[in-house]
């Protein structure tokens, strides 16, 4: 799973929503379920940590 932060060539859209950047996760056919589960767990942890 590749994770990237930034504007992703969508600055007008981000500006419309008042957001300076986003984080994007990209999946491939080669990713395992364990890798996806690990990403989900990390996102849940981050949500609780920063809430």
N, C-alpha and C. Protein backbone atom coordinates (compact mmCIF):
# COMPACT_ATOMS: atom_id res chain seq x y z
N UNK A 1 0.86 -1.17 0.00
CA UNK A 1 0.00 0.00 0.00
C UNK A 1 0.90 1.23 0.00
N UNK A 2 0.70 2.08 -0.98
CA UNK A 2 1.47 3.33 -1.05
C UNK A 2 0.61 4.46 -0.49
N UNK A 3 1.22 5.29 0.35
CA UNK A 3 0.50 6.42 0.95
C UNK A 3 1.26 7.69 0.60
N UNK A 4 0.51 8.69 0.14
CA UNK A 4 1.12 9.95 -0.28
C UNK A 4 0.28 11.10 0.25
N UNK A 5 0.96 12.15 0.70
CA UNK A 5 0.28 13.36 1.17
C UNK A 5 0.56 14.50 0.20
N UNK A 6 -0.39 15.42 0.09
CA UNK A 6 -0.20 16.59 -0.77
C UNK A 6 -1.51 17.06 -1.36
N UNK A 7 -1.40 17.78 -2.48
CA UNK A 7 -2.60 18.32 -3.13
C UNK A 7 -3.11 17.43 -4.25
N UNK A 8 -2.30 16.51 -4.75
CA UNK A 8 -2.69 15.53 -5.76
C UNK A 8 -3.30 16.18 -7.00
N UNK A 9 -2.76 17.32 -7.40
CA UNK A 9 -3.22 18.04 -8.59
C UNK A 9 -4.70 18.43 -8.49
N UNK A 10 -5.17 18.67 -7.28
CA UNK A 10 -6.57 19.02 -7.07
C UNK A 10 -6.70 20.27 -6.19
N UNK A 11 -5.79 21.22 -6.35
CA UNK A 11 -5.81 22.42 -5.50
C UNK A 11 -7.14 23.18 -5.52
N UNK A 12 -7.78 23.38 -6.69
CA UNK A 12 -9.07 24.09 -6.67
C UNK A 12 -10.13 23.38 -5.81
N UNK A 13 -10.16 22.07 -5.88
CA UNK A 13 -11.13 21.31 -5.08
C UNK A 13 -10.81 21.42 -3.59
N UNK A 14 -9.54 21.29 -3.24
CA UNK A 14 -9.15 21.39 -1.84
C UNK A 14 -9.45 22.79 -1.30
N UNK A 15 -9.19 23.80 -2.12
CA UNK A 15 -9.47 25.18 -1.71
C UNK A 15 -10.96 25.36 -1.46
N UNK A 16 -11.78 24.77 -2.33
CA UNK A 16 -13.25 24.87 -2.19
C UNK A 16 -13.72 24.32 -0.85
N UNK A 17 -13.08 23.25 -0.38
CA UNK A 17 -13.46 22.63 0.89
C UNK A 17 -12.65 23.15 2.07
N UNK A 18 -11.76 24.10 1.83
CA UNK A 18 -10.97 24.68 2.91
C UNK A 18 -9.93 23.73 3.47
N UNK A 19 -9.40 22.88 2.62
CA UNK A 19 -8.42 21.88 3.03
C UNK A 19 -7.10 22.20 2.34
N UNK A 20 -5.99 22.14 3.08
CA UNK A 20 -4.70 22.46 2.48
C UNK A 20 -4.03 21.27 1.81
N UNK A 21 -4.33 20.06 2.28
CA UNK A 21 -3.75 18.87 1.67
C UNK A 21 -4.55 17.64 2.11
N UNK A 22 -4.29 16.54 1.46
CA UNK A 22 -4.95 15.28 1.80
C UNK A 22 -3.92 14.17 1.84
N UNK A 23 -4.36 13.02 2.28
CA UNK A 23 -3.52 11.83 2.28
C UNK A 23 -4.24 10.78 1.43
N UNK A 24 -3.52 10.21 0.48
CA UNK A 24 -4.12 9.25 -0.45
C UNK A 24 -3.44 7.89 -0.30
N UNK A 25 -4.24 6.86 -0.22
CA UNK A 25 -3.71 5.49 -0.19
C UNK A 25 -4.00 4.84 -1.53
N UNK A 26 -2.99 4.19 -2.09
CA UNK A 26 -3.14 3.50 -3.37
C UNK A 26 -2.87 2.01 -3.18
N UNK A 27 -3.75 1.21 -3.72
CA UNK A 27 -3.64 -0.23 -3.59
C UNK A 27 -3.30 -0.86 -4.93
N UNK A 28 -2.64 -1.99 -4.89
CA UNK A 28 -2.32 -2.73 -6.10
C UNK A 28 -2.80 -4.16 -5.98
N UNK A 29 -2.81 -4.84 -7.08
CA UNK A 29 -3.25 -6.25 -7.07
C UNK A 29 -2.37 -7.11 -6.20
N UNK A 30 -1.14 -6.68 -5.99
CA UNK A 30 -0.17 -7.45 -5.22
C UNK A 30 -0.30 -7.24 -3.71
N UNK A 31 -1.12 -6.27 -3.27
CA UNK A 31 -1.27 -6.03 -1.83
C UNK A 31 -2.03 -7.18 -1.19
N UNK A 32 -1.60 -7.53 0.01
CA UNK A 32 -2.26 -8.61 0.74
C UNK A 32 -3.33 -8.04 1.66
N UNK A 33 -4.20 -8.89 2.10
CA UNK A 33 -5.24 -8.47 3.04
C UNK A 33 -4.60 -7.97 4.34
N UNK A 34 -3.51 -8.60 4.75
CA UNK A 34 -2.82 -8.19 5.98
C UNK A 34 -2.30 -6.76 5.85
N UNK A 35 -1.82 -6.38 4.68
CA UNK A 35 -1.34 -5.01 4.47
C UNK A 35 -2.48 -4.01 4.54
N UNK A 36 -3.60 -4.36 3.96
CA UNK A 36 -4.77 -3.48 4.02
C UNK A 36 -5.27 -3.38 5.45
N UNK A 37 -5.33 -4.49 6.16
CA UNK A 37 -5.75 -4.47 7.56
C UNK A 37 -4.81 -3.61 8.40
N UNK A 38 -3.53 -3.68 8.12
CA UNK A 38 -2.55 -2.87 8.85
C UNK A 38 -2.78 -1.38 8.61
N UNK A 39 -3.09 -1.00 7.38
CA UNK A 39 -3.40 0.40 7.07
C UNK A 39 -4.65 0.85 7.81
N UNK A 40 -5.68 0.04 7.81
CA UNK A 40 -6.92 0.38 8.50
C UNK A 40 -6.67 0.56 10.00
N UNK A 41 -5.91 -0.33 10.60
CA UNK A 41 -5.58 -0.21 12.03
C UNK A 41 -4.81 1.08 12.31
N UNK A 42 -3.87 1.42 11.45
CA UNK A 42 -3.09 2.64 11.63
C UNK A 42 -3.97 3.88 11.49
N UNK A 43 -4.90 3.86 10.55
CA UNK A 43 -5.82 5.00 10.38
C UNK A 43 -6.74 5.15 11.60
N UNK A 44 -7.22 4.04 12.13
CA UNK A 44 -8.06 4.09 13.33
C UNK A 44 -7.27 4.64 14.51
N UNK A 45 -6.02 4.23 14.65
CA UNK A 45 -5.17 4.73 15.73
C UNK A 45 -4.96 6.24 15.57
N UNK A 46 -4.64 6.67 14.37
CA UNK A 46 -4.39 8.10 14.13
C UNK A 46 -5.65 8.92 14.40
N UNK A 47 -6.81 8.41 13.99
CA UNK A 47 -8.06 9.13 14.23
C UNK A 47 -8.30 9.32 15.72
N UNK A 48 -8.08 8.28 16.51
CA UNK A 48 -8.27 8.39 17.96
C UNK A 48 -7.21 9.29 18.58
N UNK A 49 -5.98 9.21 18.11
CA UNK A 49 -4.88 9.99 18.66
C UNK A 49 -5.10 11.49 18.43
N UNK A 50 -5.54 11.85 17.24
CA UNK A 50 -5.69 13.26 16.90
C UNK A 50 -7.08 13.82 17.18
N UNK A 51 -8.01 12.99 17.63
CA UNK A 51 -9.39 13.45 17.90
C UNK A 51 -9.46 14.30 19.15
